[in-house]
Amino acid sequence: MTNPKIELFDGFARIGKVLASRSRLLLLDLLSQGEKPVETLAEQAGLSVPNASNHLRELRATSLVRTRRDGQQIYYRLASPRVRKLVRSLQDVAHESLAEVRELVSDFYQDPDALEAVGMETLNRRVQEGEVIVLDVRPPDEYAAGHIPGAVSIPIGELEQRLQELPAGQEIVAYCRGPYCLFSRQAVERLRSHGLRACRMEEGVADWEDRGFPVAAGESSRSLE
């Protein structure tokens, strides 16, 4: 006779097993920014395309990701917003429970000058009043998938070469993928080193949208001229 509770928890354990992989968690974290083809995922995750494909196959087998075809290209996306929240919950629990994770976050992810990050409510008000320039330092595909309305897209790898596009007299608020992404901290460090007034928003676009603030999509970026 089968035990339904045992079978149920076997199903729970199956999800836990597929999440017990650094590479698969990284792929899910990247997909929380929007759908991507395997080649982009492999490059951004630092994996070979065959390796990324194998991990994505495991994620698809447990219905954590879905696919769509556009011609010869196959795009991957999270199966639902709950998957993104699951990954964030796992990250937050690890941060709360593991001393080594807290030390890494403290050493590498917190504001370089120990200043508080700008909260979403404050940033939304300041954006509406035109007080700040909002800088999206994620890759272009993630900006196109969804960004804070009016944000300027300058990927972190292009920031040094495009500093002249940013006015010296206005405060800049940089954001990236969320609290466990280094891009916004790196951006703030570089901007301040060049004498610009800069701080960061700790949260990402998904958090912004969850709070009920509008999100724009498309590749065009606000002009600073």
N, C-alpha and C. Protein backbone atom coordinates (compact mmCIF):
# COMPACT_ATOMS: atom_id res chain seq x y z
N MET A 1 0.85 -1.19 0.00
CA MET A 1 0.00 0.00 0.00
C MET A 1 0.89 1.25 0.00
N THR A 2 0.60 2.15 -0.89
CA THR A 2 1.40 3.36 -0.98
C THR A 2 1.05 4.32 0.15
N ASN A 3 2.04 5.09 0.53
CA ASN A 3 1.85 6.11 1.56
C ASN A 3 1.86 7.46 0.86
N PRO A 4 0.71 8.13 0.74
CA PRO A 4 0.66 9.38 -0.03
C PRO A 4 1.57 10.47 0.54
N LYS A 5 1.74 10.48 1.85
CA LYS A 5 2.61 11.51 2.42
C LYS A 5 4.06 11.28 2.01
N ILE A 6 4.49 10.02 2.00
CA ILE A 6 5.84 9.70 1.57
C ILE A 6 6.04 10.08 0.12
N GLU A 7 5.07 9.77 -0.72
CA GLU A 7 5.18 10.11 -2.13
C GLU A 7 5.19 11.63 -2.33
N LEU A 8 4.38 12.32 -1.53
CA LEU A 8 4.35 13.78 -1.62
C LEU A 8 5.71 14.37 -1.29
N PHE A 9 6.32 13.88 -0.21
CA PHE A 9 7.61 14.42 0.19
C PHE A 9 8.73 13.95 -0.74
N ASP A 10 8.52 12.85 -1.41
CA ASP A 10 9.46 12.47 -2.48
C ASP A 10 9.45 13.53 -3.58
N GLY A 11 8.25 14.03 -3.89
CA GLY A 11 8.15 15.09 -4.89
C GLY A 11 8.84 16.36 -4.43
N PHE A 12 8.66 16.73 -3.15
CA PHE A 12 9.35 17.90 -2.61
C PHE A 12 10.86 17.71 -2.70
N ALA A 13 11.30 16.48 -2.36
CA ALA A 13 12.74 16.20 -2.38
C ALA A 13 13.30 16.26 -3.79
N ARG A 14 12.48 15.93 -4.78
CA ARG A 14 12.95 16.00 -6.16
C ARG A 14 13.30 17.44 -6.54
N ILE A 15 12.47 18.39 -6.10
CA ILE A 15 12.78 19.79 -6.35
C ILE A 15 14.06 20.18 -5.61
N GLY A 16 14.17 19.74 -4.36
CA GLY A 16 15.37 20.04 -3.59
C GLY A 16 16.62 19.48 -4.25
N LYS A 17 16.50 18.30 -4.82
CA LYS A 17 17.66 17.68 -5.46
C LYS A 17 18.11 18.46 -6.68
N VAL A 18 17.16 18.91 -7.49
CA VAL A 18 17.55 19.64 -8.70
C VAL A 18 18.11 21.02 -8.35
N LEU A 19 17.73 21.56 -7.20
CA LEU A 19 18.27 22.85 -6.76
C LEU A 19 19.64 22.72 -6.12
N ALA A 20 20.04 21.50 -5.80
CA ALA A 20 21.33 21.27 -5.12
C ALA A 20 22.48 21.31 -6.11
N SER A 21 22.54 22.40 -6.87
CA SER A 21 23.58 22.58 -7.87
C SER A 21 23.85 24.06 -8.02
N ARG A 22 25.09 24.46 -7.82
CA ARG A 22 25.46 25.86 -7.97
C ARG A 22 25.11 26.38 -9.37
N SER A 23 25.39 25.56 -10.38
CA SER A 23 25.16 26.01 -11.76
C SER A 23 23.68 26.18 -12.04
N ARG A 24 22.84 25.25 -11.57
CA ARG A 24 21.41 25.37 -11.83
C ARG A 24 20.81 26.55 -11.07
N LEU A 25 21.28 26.80 -9.85
CA LEU A 25 20.79 27.97 -9.12
C LEU A 25 21.20 29.26 -9.83
N LEU A 26 22.41 29.29 -10.37
CA LEU A 26 22.86 30.46 -11.10
C LEU A 26 22.02 30.68 -12.36
N LEU A 27 21.70 29.60 -13.06
CA LEU A 27 20.86 29.72 -14.25
C LEU A 27 19.46 30.24 -13.90
N LEU A 28 18.91 29.75 -12.81
CA LEU A 28 17.60 30.25 -12.38
C LEU A 28 17.67 31.72 -11.99
N ASP A 29 18.75 32.11 -11.35
CA ASP A 29 18.92 33.50 -10.96
C ASP A 29 18.99 34.39 -12.20
N LEU A 30 19.70 33.94 -13.23
CA LEU A 30 19.78 34.70 -14.47
C LEU A 30 18.42 34.79 -15.15
N LEU A 31 17.67 33.70 -15.13
CA LEU A 31 16.36 33.69 -15.77
C LEU A 31 15.34 34.54 -15.01
N SER A 32 15.64 34.88 -13.77
CA SER A 32 14.74 35.77 -13.05
C SER A 32 14.74 37.18 -13.65
N GLN A 33 15.74 37.46 -14.51
CA GLN A 33 15.81 38.76 -15.20
C GLN A 33 15.04 38.76 -16.51
N GLY A 34 14.60 37.59 -16.97
CA GLY A 34 13.88 37.50 -18.24
C GLY A 34 14.33 36.30 -19.03
N GLU A 35 13.60 35.96 -20.07
CA GLU A 35 13.94 34.79 -20.86
C GLU A 35 15.23 35.00 -21.64
N LYS A 36 15.95 33.90 -21.87
CA LYS A 36 17.24 33.96 -22.55
C LYS A 36 17.45 32.68 -23.34
N PRO A 37 18.20 32.74 -24.45
CA PRO A 37 18.60 31.52 -25.15
C PRO A 37 19.76 30.86 -24.42
N VAL A 38 19.99 29.60 -24.72
CA VAL A 38 21.01 28.84 -23.99
C VAL A 38 22.39 29.45 -24.18
N GLU A 39 22.68 30.00 -25.35
CA GLU A 39 24.01 30.58 -25.59
C GLU A 39 24.26 31.76 -24.65
N THR A 40 23.27 32.60 -24.46
CA THR A 40 23.40 33.74 -23.56
C THR A 40 23.54 33.26 -22.12
N LEU A 41 22.73 32.29 -21.74
CA LEU A 41 22.81 31.75 -20.39
C LEU A 41 24.18 31.15 -20.12
N ALA A 42 24.70 30.41 -21.08
CA ALA A 42 26.01 29.78 -20.91
C ALA A 42 27.09 30.85 -20.72
N GLU A 43 27.06 31.88 -21.55
CA GLU A 43 28.07 32.94 -21.46
C GLU A 43 27.99 33.67 -20.13
N GLN A 44 26.78 34.04 -19.72
CA GLN A 44 26.62 34.81 -18.49
C GLN A 44 26.88 33.97 -17.24
N ALA A 45 26.69 32.67 -17.33
CA ALA A 45 26.93 31.79 -16.18
C ALA A 45 28.34 31.22 -16.16
N GLY A 46 29.11 31.47 -17.23
CA GLY A 46 30.45 30.93 -17.29
C GLY A 46 30.48 29.44 -17.51
N LEU A 47 29.52 28.93 -18.28
CA LEU A 47 29.42 27.50 -18.56
C LEU A 47 29.59 27.26 -20.06
N SER A 48 29.94 26.05 -20.42
CA SER A 48 29.89 25.68 -21.83
C SER A 48 28.43 25.52 -22.24
N VAL A 49 28.16 25.65 -23.53
CA VAL A 49 26.79 25.49 -24.01
C VAL A 49 26.26 24.09 -23.71
N PRO A 50 27.03 23.01 -23.97
CA PRO A 50 26.51 21.67 -23.63
C PRO A 50 26.22 21.50 -22.14
N ASN A 51 27.08 22.06 -21.30
CA ASN A 51 26.87 21.94 -19.85
C ASN A 51 25.62 22.70 -19.44
N ALA A 52 25.47 23.93 -19.95
CA ALA A 52 24.26 24.71 -19.65
C ALA A 52 23.01 23.99 -20.14
N SER A 53 23.08 23.39 -21.32
CA SER A 53 21.93 22.66 -21.87
C SER A 53 21.53 21.50 -20.98
N ASN A 54 22.53 20.79 -20.45
CA ASN A 54 22.23 19.66 -19.56
C ASN A 54 21.53 20.14 -18.28
N HIS A 55 22.02 21.22 -17.70
CA HIS A 55 21.39 21.75 -16.49
C HIS A 55 19.97 22.24 -16.78
N LEU A 56 19.79 22.89 -17.91
CA LEU A 56 18.46 23.37 -18.27
C LEU A 56 17.49 22.22 -18.51
N ARG A 57 18.01 21.12 -19.04
CA ARG A 57 17.18 19.93 -19.24
C ARG A 57 16.67 19.40 -17.89
N GLU A 58 17.55 19.41 -16.88
CA GLU A 58 17.13 18.99 -15.53
C GLU A 58 16.08 19.93 -14.96
N LEU A 59 16.26 21.21 -15.16
CA LEU A 59 15.30 22.18 -14.65
C LEU A 59 13.95 22.07 -15.36
N ARG A 60 14.01 21.79 -16.65
CA ARG A 60 12.77 21.63 -17.40
C ARG A 60 12.05 20.35 -16.99
N ALA A 61 12.79 19.32 -16.66
CA ALA A 61 12.18 18.04 -16.27
C ALA A 61 11.36 18.17 -14.99
N THR A 62 11.73 19.12 -14.15
CA THR A 62 10.97 19.36 -12.92
C THR A 62 10.03 20.56 -13.06
N SER A 63 9.83 21.02 -14.29
CA SER A 63 8.90 22.11 -14.60
C SER A 63 9.25 23.41 -13.90
N LEU A 64 10.54 23.63 -13.62
CA LEU A 64 10.97 24.91 -13.06
C LEU A 64 11.22 25.94 -14.16
N VAL A 65 11.52 25.47 -15.36
CA VAL A 65 11.66 26.37 -16.51
C VAL A 65 10.81 25.86 -17.65
N ARG A 66 10.48 26.77 -18.55
CA ARG A 66 9.73 26.44 -19.76
C ARG A 66 10.48 27.00 -20.96
N THR A 67 10.06 26.59 -22.13
CA THR A 67 10.74 27.04 -23.35
C THR A 67 9.73 27.54 -24.37
N ARG A 68 10.24 28.34 -25.30
CA ARG A 68 9.48 28.69 -26.50
C ARG A 68 10.46 28.73 -27.66
N ARG A 69 9.97 28.41 -28.83
CA ARG A 69 10.82 28.41 -30.02
C ARG A 69 10.51 29.62 -30.88
N ASP A 70 11.57 30.26 -31.37
CA ASP A 70 11.45 31.36 -32.31
C ASP A 70 12.39 31.04 -33.48
N GLY A 71 11.85 30.46 -34.53
CA GLY A 71 12.68 29.98 -35.63
C GLY A 71 13.54 28.82 -35.15
N GLN A 72 14.85 28.96 -35.31
CA GLN A 72 15.77 27.93 -34.85
C GLN A 72 16.20 28.12 -33.39
N GLN A 73 15.82 29.27 -32.81
CA GLN A 73 16.27 29.59 -31.47
C GLN A 73 15.25 29.16 -30.42
N ILE A 74 15.76 28.56 -29.35
CA ILE A 74 14.91 28.17 -28.22
C ILE A 74 15.23 29.07 -27.04
N TYR A 75 14.19 29.67 -26.49
CA TYR A 75 14.34 30.57 -25.35
C TYR A 75 13.84 29.88 -24.08
N TYR A 76 14.55 30.10 -22.99
CA TYR A 76 14.17 29.55 -21.69
C TYR A 76 13.65 30.67 -20.80
N ARG A 77 12.68 30.32 -19.95
CA ARG A 77 12.14 31.28 -18.99
C ARG A 77 11.73 30.52 -17.73
N LEU A 78 11.59 31.23 -16.62
CA LEU A 78 11.08 30.61 -15.41
C LEU A 78 9.63 30.19 -15.62
N ALA A 79 9.26 29.07 -15.02
CA ALA A 79 7.90 28.56 -15.21
C ALA A 79 6.86 29.47 -14.57
N SER A 80 7.23 30.17 -13.50
CA SER A 80 6.29 31.07 -12.83
C SER A 80 7.07 31.98 -11.89
N PRO A 81 6.44 33.09 -11.46
CA PRO A 81 7.11 33.96 -10.49
C PRO A 81 7.45 33.24 -9.19
N ARG A 82 6.75 32.16 -8.87
CA ARG A 82 7.05 31.42 -7.65
C ARG A 82 8.44 30.82 -7.67
N VAL A 83 8.93 30.48 -8.86
CA VAL A 83 10.28 29.92 -8.96
C VAL A 83 11.30 30.98 -8.57
N ARG A 84 11.10 32.20 -9.06
CA ARG A 84 12.01 33.29 -8.67
C ARG A 84 11.96 33.52 -7.17
N LYS A 85 10.76 33.50 -6.60
CA LYS A 85 10.64 33.71 -5.16
C LYS A 85 11.28 32.56 -4.38
N LEU A 86 11.20 31.35 -4.94
CA LEU A 86 11.85 30.19 -4.30
C LEU A 86 13.36 30.39 -4.23
N VAL A 87 13.94 30.83 -5.36
CA VAL A 87 15.38 31.04 -5.40
C VAL A 87 15.78 32.16 -4.44
N ARG A 88 15.03 33.25 -4.41
CA ARG A 88 15.33 34.35 -3.50
C ARG A 88 15.20 33.89 -2.04
N SER A 89 14.18 33.10 -1.75
CA SER A 89 14.01 32.60 -0.38
C SER A 89 15.19 31.73 0.03
N LEU A 90 15.65 30.90 -0.88
CA LEU A 90 16.81 30.06 -0.59
C LEU A 90 18.03 30.93 -0.31
N GLN A 91 18.23 31.96 -1.12
CA GLN A 91 19.37 32.87 -0.91
C GLN A 91 19.27 33.56 0.45
N ASP A 92 18.06 34.03 0.77
CA ASP A 92 17.89 34.76 2.03
C ASP A 92 18.07 33.84 3.24
N VAL A 93 17.58 32.61 3.15
CA VAL A 93 17.75 31.66 4.25
C VAL A 93 19.24 31.33 4.43
N ALA A 94 19.95 31.15 3.32
CA ALA A 94 21.38 30.89 3.40
C ALA A 94 22.10 32.07 4.05
N HIS A 95 21.69 33.29 3.70
CA HIS A 95 22.29 34.48 4.28
C HIS A 95 22.04 34.54 5.78
N GLU A 96 20.84 34.15 6.18
CA GLU A 96 20.48 34.19 7.60
C GLU A 96 21.14 33.06 8.39
N SER A 97 21.33 31.91 7.76
CA SER A 97 21.74 30.72 8.49
C SER A 97 23.24 30.43 8.46
N LEU A 98 23.93 30.85 7.41
CA LEU A 98 25.32 30.46 7.21
C LEU A 98 26.25 31.64 7.41
N ALA A 99 27.16 31.51 8.36
CA ALA A 99 28.09 32.60 8.67
C ALA A 99 28.96 32.94 7.47
N GLU A 100 29.38 31.93 6.71
CA GLU A 100 30.26 32.20 5.57
C GLU A 100 29.55 33.01 4.49
N VAL A 101 28.23 32.79 4.35
CA VAL A 101 27.46 33.58 3.38
C VAL A 101 27.35 35.02 3.85
N ARG A 102 27.08 35.21 5.14
CA ARG A 102 26.99 36.58 5.68
C ARG A 102 28.31 37.32 5.52
N GLU A 103 29.42 36.62 5.73
CA GLU A 103 30.73 37.26 5.59
C GLU A 103 30.99 37.67 4.15
N LEU A 104 30.61 36.80 3.20
CA LEU A 104 30.78 37.14 1.79
C LEU A 104 29.95 38.36 1.41
N VAL A 105 28.70 38.38 1.86
CA VAL A 105 27.82 39.52 1.56
C VAL A 105 28.38 40.79 2.17
N SER A 106 28.87 40.70 3.42
CA SER A 106 29.43 41.86 4.08
C SER A 106 30.68 42.37 3.38
N ASP A 107 31.53 41.45 2.93
CA ASP A 107 32.81 41.83 2.32
C ASP A 107 32.66 42.35 0.90
N PHE A 108 31.72 41.78 0.14
CA PHE A 108 31.70 42.05 -1.29
C PHE A 108 30.42 42.71 -1.81
N TYR A 109 29.32 42.64 -1.07
CA TYR A 109 28.05 43.08 -1.63
C TYR A 109 27.48 44.32 -0.97
N GLN A 110 27.98 44.71 0.18
CA GLN A 110 27.43 45.88 0.83
C GLN A 110 28.08 47.14 0.28
N ASP A 111 27.46 48.29 0.56
CA ASP A 111 27.92 49.56 0.03
C ASP A 111 29.37 49.80 0.41
N PRO A 112 30.22 50.24 -0.54
CA PRO A 112 31.64 50.43 -0.26
C PRO A 112 31.94 51.41 0.86
N ASP A 113 31.07 52.39 1.09
CA ASP A 113 31.30 53.38 2.15
C ASP A 113 30.31 53.22 3.29
N ALA A 114 29.71 52.04 3.38
CA ALA A 114 28.78 51.72 4.47
C ALA A 114 27.59 52.68 4.53
N LEU A 115 27.22 53.26 3.39
CA LEU A 115 26.04 54.10 3.34
C LEU A 115 24.82 53.26 2.99
N GLU A 116 23.69 53.64 3.49
CA GLU A 116 22.48 52.88 3.21
C GLU A 116 22.11 52.97 1.74
N ALA A 117 21.64 51.85 1.19
CA ALA A 117 21.14 51.86 -0.18
C ALA A 117 19.82 52.62 -0.22
N VAL A 118 19.50 53.17 -1.38
CA VAL A 118 18.25 53.89 -1.55
C VAL A 118 17.10 52.89 -1.58
N GLY A 119 16.06 53.14 -0.79
CA GLY A 119 14.89 52.29 -0.79
C GLY A 119 14.03 52.53 -2.01
N MET A 120 13.21 51.54 -2.34
CA MET A 120 12.39 51.64 -3.54
C MET A 120 11.36 52.76 -3.46
N GLU A 121 10.74 52.93 -2.31
CA GLU A 121 9.75 54.01 -2.16
C GLU A 121 10.40 55.36 -2.39
N THR A 122 11.58 55.55 -1.79
CA THR A 122 12.28 56.83 -1.95
C THR A 122 12.71 57.03 -3.39
N LEU A 123 13.23 55.98 -4.01
CA LEU A 123 13.69 56.11 -5.39
C LEU A 123 12.52 56.43 -6.32
N ASN A 124 11.39 55.77 -6.12
CA ASN A 124 10.23 56.04 -6.97
C ASN A 124 9.81 57.51 -6.87
N ARG A 125 9.80 58.03 -5.66
CA ARG A 125 9.43 59.45 -5.48
C ARG A 125 10.44 60.36 -6.17
N ARG A 126 11.70 60.06 -6.01
CA ARG A 126 12.75 60.92 -6.59
C ARG A 126 12.77 60.82 -8.11
N VAL A 127 12.44 59.65 -8.64
CA VAL A 127 12.33 59.51 -10.09
C VAL A 127 11.19 60.37 -10.60
N GLN A 128 10.03 60.30 -9.92
CA GLN A 128 8.87 61.09 -10.34
C GLN A 128 9.17 62.58 -10.31
N GLU A 129 10.01 63.01 -9.37
CA GLU A 129 10.33 64.42 -9.23
C GLU A 129 11.55 64.83 -10.05
N GLY A 130 12.14 63.89 -10.78
CA GLY A 130 13.27 64.19 -11.64
C GLY A 130 14.55 64.54 -10.90
N GLU A 131 14.71 64.01 -9.70
CA GLU A 131 15.86 64.36 -8.87
C GLU A 131 17.09 63.52 -9.13
N VAL A 132 16.94 62.36 -9.75
CA VAL A 132 18.07 61.45 -9.91
C VAL A 132 18.10 60.86 -11.32
N ILE A 133 19.27 60.40 -11.70
CA ILE A 133 19.42 59.57 -12.89
C ILE A 133 19.48 58.12 -12.42
N VAL A 134 18.63 57.29 -12.97
CA VAL A 134 18.61 55.87 -12.62
C VAL A 134 19.42 55.12 -13.67
N LEU A 135 20.40 54.36 -13.21
CA LEU A 135 21.34 53.69 -14.10
C LEU A 135 21.19 52.18 -13.98
N ASP A 136 20.83 51.54 -15.07
CA ASP A 136 20.69 50.08 -15.14
C ASP A 136 22.01 49.52 -15.69
N VAL A 137 22.74 48.77 -14.85
CA VAL A 137 24.07 48.29 -15.25
C VAL A 137 24.07 46.80 -15.60
N ARG A 138 22.90 46.24 -15.85
CA ARG A 138 22.81 44.84 -16.27
C ARG A 138 23.09 44.72 -17.77
N PRO A 139 23.23 43.50 -18.28
CA PRO A 139 23.41 43.32 -19.72
C PRO A 139 22.20 43.85 -20.50
N PRO A 140 22.40 44.22 -21.77
CA PRO A 140 21.32 44.82 -22.56
C PRO A 140 20.08 43.96 -22.68
N ASP A 141 20.23 42.62 -22.75
CA ASP A 141 19.06 41.77 -22.90
C ASP A 141 18.16 41.84 -21.67
N GLU A 142 18.75 42.03 -20.49
CA GLU A 142 17.96 42.11 -19.27
C GLU A 142 17.27 43.46 -19.17
N TYR A 143 17.94 44.52 -19.61
CA TYR A 143 17.30 45.83 -19.67
C TYR A 143 16.09 45.78 -20.60
N ALA A 144 16.26 45.15 -21.77
CA ALA A 144 15.17 45.08 -22.74
C ALA A 144 13.99 44.28 -22.19
N ALA A 145 14.27 43.25 -21.39
CA ALA A 145 13.20 42.41 -20.84
C ALA A 145 12.35 43.16 -19.82
N GLY A 146 12.95 44.10 -19.10
CA GLY A 146 12.21 44.87 -18.11
C GLY A 146 13.13 45.76 -17.31
N HIS A 147 12.76 47.05 -17.17
CA HIS A 147 13.61 47.99 -16.44
C HIS A 147 12.75 49.06 -15.79
N ILE A 148 13.34 49.79 -14.87
CA ILE A 148 12.65 50.92 -14.25
C ILE A 148 12.43 51.99 -15.31
N PRO A 149 11.20 52.48 -15.49
CA PRO A 149 10.95 53.48 -16.53
C PRO A 149 11.88 54.68 -16.40
N GLY A 150 12.46 55.06 -17.53
CA GLY A 150 13.37 56.21 -17.55
C GLY A 150 14.80 55.87 -17.23
N ALA A 151 15.08 54.61 -16.86
CA ALA A 151 16.44 54.23 -16.52
C ALA A 151 17.34 54.27 -17.75
N VAL A 152 18.59 54.65 -17.54
CA VAL A 152 19.60 54.66 -18.59
C VAL A 152 20.34 53.33 -18.57
N SER A 153 20.49 52.73 -19.72
CA SER A 153 21.18 51.44 -19.82
C SER A 153 22.64 51.65 -20.16
N ILE A 154 23.52 51.37 -19.19
CA ILE A 154 24.96 51.31 -19.43
C ILE A 154 25.47 50.06 -18.73
N PRO A 155 25.65 48.96 -19.46
CA PRO A 155 26.14 47.72 -18.83
C PRO A 155 27.46 47.96 -18.09
N ILE A 156 27.66 47.24 -17.02
CA ILE A 156 28.83 47.46 -16.16
C ILE A 156 30.14 47.39 -16.94
N GLY A 157 30.21 46.53 -17.95
CA GLY A 157 31.42 46.41 -18.74
C GLY A 157 31.70 47.60 -19.64
N GLU A 158 30.71 48.48 -19.85
CA GLU A 158 30.87 49.66 -20.70
C GLU A 158 30.98 50.95 -19.90
N LEU A 159 30.87 50.86 -18.58
CA LEU A 159 30.73 52.07 -17.77
C LEU A 159 31.95 52.99 -17.88
N GLU A 160 33.15 52.44 -17.80
CA GLU A 160 34.35 53.26 -17.85
C GLU A 160 34.43 54.06 -19.15
N GLN A 161 34.03 53.44 -20.26
CA GLN A 161 34.13 54.09 -21.56
C GLN A 161 33.00 55.09 -21.81
N ARG A 162 31.95 55.05 -20.99
CA ARG A 162 30.78 55.90 -21.24
C ARG A 162 30.51 56.89 -20.11
N LEU A 163 31.50 57.10 -19.25
CA LEU A 163 31.31 58.01 -18.13
C LEU A 163 30.96 59.42 -18.58
N GLN A 164 31.46 59.83 -19.74
CA GLN A 164 31.21 61.19 -20.22
C GLN A 164 29.73 61.41 -20.53
N GLU A 165 28.95 60.34 -20.64
CA GLU A 165 27.52 60.48 -20.90
C GLU A 165 26.74 60.89 -19.66
N LEU A 166 27.36 60.78 -18.49
CA LEU A 166 26.68 61.04 -17.23
C LEU A 166 27.01 62.43 -16.72
N PRO A 167 26.01 63.27 -16.45
CA PRO A 167 26.27 64.62 -15.96
C PRO A 167 26.87 64.62 -14.56
N ALA A 168 27.79 65.54 -14.34
CA ALA A 168 28.51 65.56 -13.06
C ALA A 168 27.69 66.10 -11.91
N GLY A 169 26.68 66.92 -12.19
CA GLY A 169 25.99 67.60 -11.11
C GLY A 169 24.78 66.90 -10.53
N GLN A 170 24.39 65.75 -11.09
CA GLN A 170 23.16 65.10 -10.64
C GLN A 170 23.48 63.75 -9.99
N GLU A 171 22.73 63.42 -8.97
CA GLU A 171 22.97 62.14 -8.30
C GLU A 171 22.53 60.98 -9.18
N ILE A 172 23.30 59.91 -9.12
CA ILE A 172 23.03 58.71 -9.90
C ILE A 172 22.71 57.56 -8.96
N VAL A 173 21.65 56.83 -9.25
CA VAL A 173 21.31 55.63 -8.49
C VAL A 173 21.43 54.43 -9.43
N ALA A 174 22.35 53.54 -9.12
CA ALA A 174 22.57 52.36 -9.96
C ALA A 174 21.83 51.16 -9.37
N TYR A 175 21.34 50.31 -10.26
CA TYR A 175 20.74 49.06 -9.80
C TYR A 175 21.15 47.94 -10.75
N CYS A 176 21.03 46.70 -10.26
CA CYS A 176 21.37 45.54 -11.10
C CYS A 176 20.33 44.45 -10.89
N ARG A 177 20.78 43.22 -10.62
CA ARG A 177 19.84 42.10 -10.56
C ARG A 177 19.20 41.91 -9.19
N GLY A 178 19.75 42.54 -8.17
CA GLY A 178 19.19 42.36 -6.84
C GLY A 178 20.28 42.33 -5.79
N PRO A 179 19.95 41.97 -4.57
CA PRO A 179 20.89 42.07 -3.45
C PRO A 179 22.09 41.14 -3.53
N TYR A 180 22.04 40.11 -4.36
CA TYR A 180 23.17 39.19 -4.46
C TYR A 180 23.88 39.32 -5.82
N CYS A 181 23.87 40.54 -6.35
CA CYS A 181 24.56 40.87 -7.59
C CYS A 181 25.56 41.97 -7.30
N LEU A 182 26.77 41.86 -7.84
CA LEU A 182 27.83 42.82 -7.57
C LEU A 182 27.84 44.04 -8.48
N PHE A 183 27.09 44.00 -9.57
CA PHE A 183 27.22 45.05 -10.58
C PHE A 183 26.98 46.46 -10.04
N SER A 184 25.92 46.63 -9.22
CA SER A 184 25.59 47.98 -8.76
C SER A 184 26.66 48.50 -7.80
N ARG A 185 27.20 47.64 -6.96
CA ARG A 185 28.29 48.08 -6.07
C ARG A 185 29.50 48.49 -6.89
N GLN A 186 29.86 47.67 -7.88
CA GLN A 186 31.01 48.01 -8.72
C GLN A 186 30.78 49.33 -9.45
N ALA A 187 29.55 49.54 -9.91
CA ALA A 187 29.23 50.79 -10.60
C ALA A 187 29.40 51.99 -9.68
N VAL A 188 28.88 51.88 -8.45
CA VAL A 188 28.98 52.98 -7.50
C VAL A 188 30.45 53.29 -7.20
N GLU A 189 31.26 52.26 -7.01
CA GLU A 189 32.68 52.48 -6.74
C GLU A 189 33.35 53.24 -7.88
N ARG A 190 33.06 52.85 -9.11
CA ARG A 190 33.69 53.50 -10.26
C ARG A 190 33.19 54.93 -10.43
N LEU A 191 31.89 55.13 -10.25
CA LEU A 191 31.34 56.47 -10.40
C LEU A 191 31.91 57.42 -9.35
N ARG A 192 31.99 56.97 -8.11
CA ARG A 192 32.53 57.82 -7.05
C ARG A 192 34.01 58.10 -7.27
N SER A 193 34.74 57.13 -7.81
CA SER A 193 36.17 57.34 -8.05
C SER A 193 36.41 58.42 -9.09
N HIS A 194 35.39 58.71 -9.91
CA HIS A 194 35.50 59.76 -10.92
C HIS A 194 34.78 61.04 -10.46
N GLY A 195 34.47 61.13 -9.19
CA GLY A 195 33.90 62.35 -8.64
C GLY A 195 32.42 62.52 -8.83
N LEU A 196 31.72 61.47 -9.26
CA LEU A 196 30.28 61.56 -9.45
C LEU A 196 29.55 61.17 -8.17
N ARG A 197 28.41 61.79 -7.95
CA ARG A 197 27.58 61.45 -6.79
C ARG A 197 26.75 60.22 -7.14
N ALA A 198 26.97 59.13 -6.41
CA ALA A 198 26.31 57.87 -6.77
C ALA A 198 26.00 57.04 -5.54
N CYS A 199 24.89 56.34 -5.61
CA CYS A 199 24.52 55.34 -4.63
C CYS A 199 23.80 54.24 -5.37
N ARG A 200 23.30 53.24 -4.67
CA ARG A 200 22.70 52.10 -5.36
C ARG A 200 21.34 51.77 -4.77
N MET A 201 20.53 51.09 -5.55
CA MET A 201 19.33 50.45 -5.05
C MET A 201 19.66 48.98 -4.88
N GLU A 202 19.43 48.46 -3.70
CA GLU A 202 19.82 47.08 -3.40
C GLU A 202 18.97 46.08 -4.16
N GLU A 203 17.69 46.35 -4.31
CA GLU A 203 16.79 45.41 -4.94
C GLU A 203 16.90 45.46 -6.46
N GLY A 204 16.27 44.50 -7.13
CA GLY A 204 16.26 44.44 -8.57
C GLY A 204 14.90 44.79 -9.15
N VAL A 205 14.77 44.63 -10.46
CA VAL A 205 13.54 45.00 -11.16
C VAL A 205 12.37 44.14 -10.70
N ALA A 206 12.62 42.85 -10.47
CA ALA A 206 11.52 41.98 -10.03
C ALA A 206 10.97 42.44 -8.68
N ASP A 207 11.85 42.86 -7.77
CA ASP A 207 11.40 43.39 -6.48
C ASP A 207 10.61 44.68 -6.68
N TRP A 208 11.11 45.51 -7.58
CA TRP A 208 10.43 46.78 -7.92
C TRP A 208 9.01 46.49 -8.41
N GLU A 209 8.88 45.53 -9.30
CA GLU A 209 7.56 45.19 -9.84
C GLU A 209 6.67 44.58 -8.77
N ASP A 210 7.25 43.73 -7.92
CA ASP A 210 6.47 43.13 -6.83
C ASP A 210 5.90 44.19 -5.90
N ARG A 211 6.60 45.29 -5.74
CA ARG A 211 6.13 46.37 -4.87
C ARG A 211 5.00 47.17 -5.52
N GLY A 212 4.73 46.90 -6.79
CA GLY A 212 3.64 47.58 -7.47
C GLY A 212 4.06 48.76 -8.32
N PHE A 213 5.37 48.98 -8.47
CA PHE A 213 5.87 50.07 -9.29
C PHE A 213 5.91 49.64 -10.75
N PRO A 214 5.79 50.57 -11.69
CA PRO A 214 5.74 50.20 -13.11
C PRO A 214 7.10 49.73 -13.62
N VAL A 215 7.04 48.85 -14.61
CA VAL A 215 8.24 48.34 -15.28
C VAL A 215 8.06 48.53 -16.78
N ALA A 216 9.08 49.04 -17.44
CA ALA A 216 9.06 49.24 -18.89
C ALA A 216 9.86 48.14 -19.57
N ALA A 217 9.58 47.90 -20.83
CA ALA A 217 10.32 46.91 -21.61
C ALA A 217 10.73 47.53 -22.93
N GLY A 218 11.73 46.94 -23.56
CA GLY A 218 12.22 47.46 -24.84
C GLY A 218 13.68 47.85 -24.74
N GLU A 219 14.32 47.98 -25.89
CA GLU A 219 15.75 48.20 -25.92
C GLU A 219 16.16 49.66 -25.84
N SER A 220 15.27 50.58 -26.16
CA SER A 220 15.65 51.99 -26.19
C SER A 220 15.88 52.50 -24.77
N SER A 221 16.90 53.37 -24.64
CA SER A 221 17.27 53.90 -23.34
C SER A 221 17.10 55.41 -23.35
N ARG A 222 16.79 55.97 -22.22
CA ARG A 222 16.63 57.42 -22.07
C ARG A 222 17.89 58.15 -22.51
N SER A 223 17.73 59.22 -23.25
CA SER A 223 18.85 60.06 -23.65
C SER A 223 19.16 61.06 -22.54
N LEU A 224 20.46 61.29 -22.29
CA LEU A 224 20.87 62.24 -21.26
C LEU A 224 21.24 63.59 -21.83
N GLU A 225 21.04 63.77 -23.12
CA GLU A 225 21.39 65.05 -23.75
C GLU A 225 20.38 66.13 -23.39
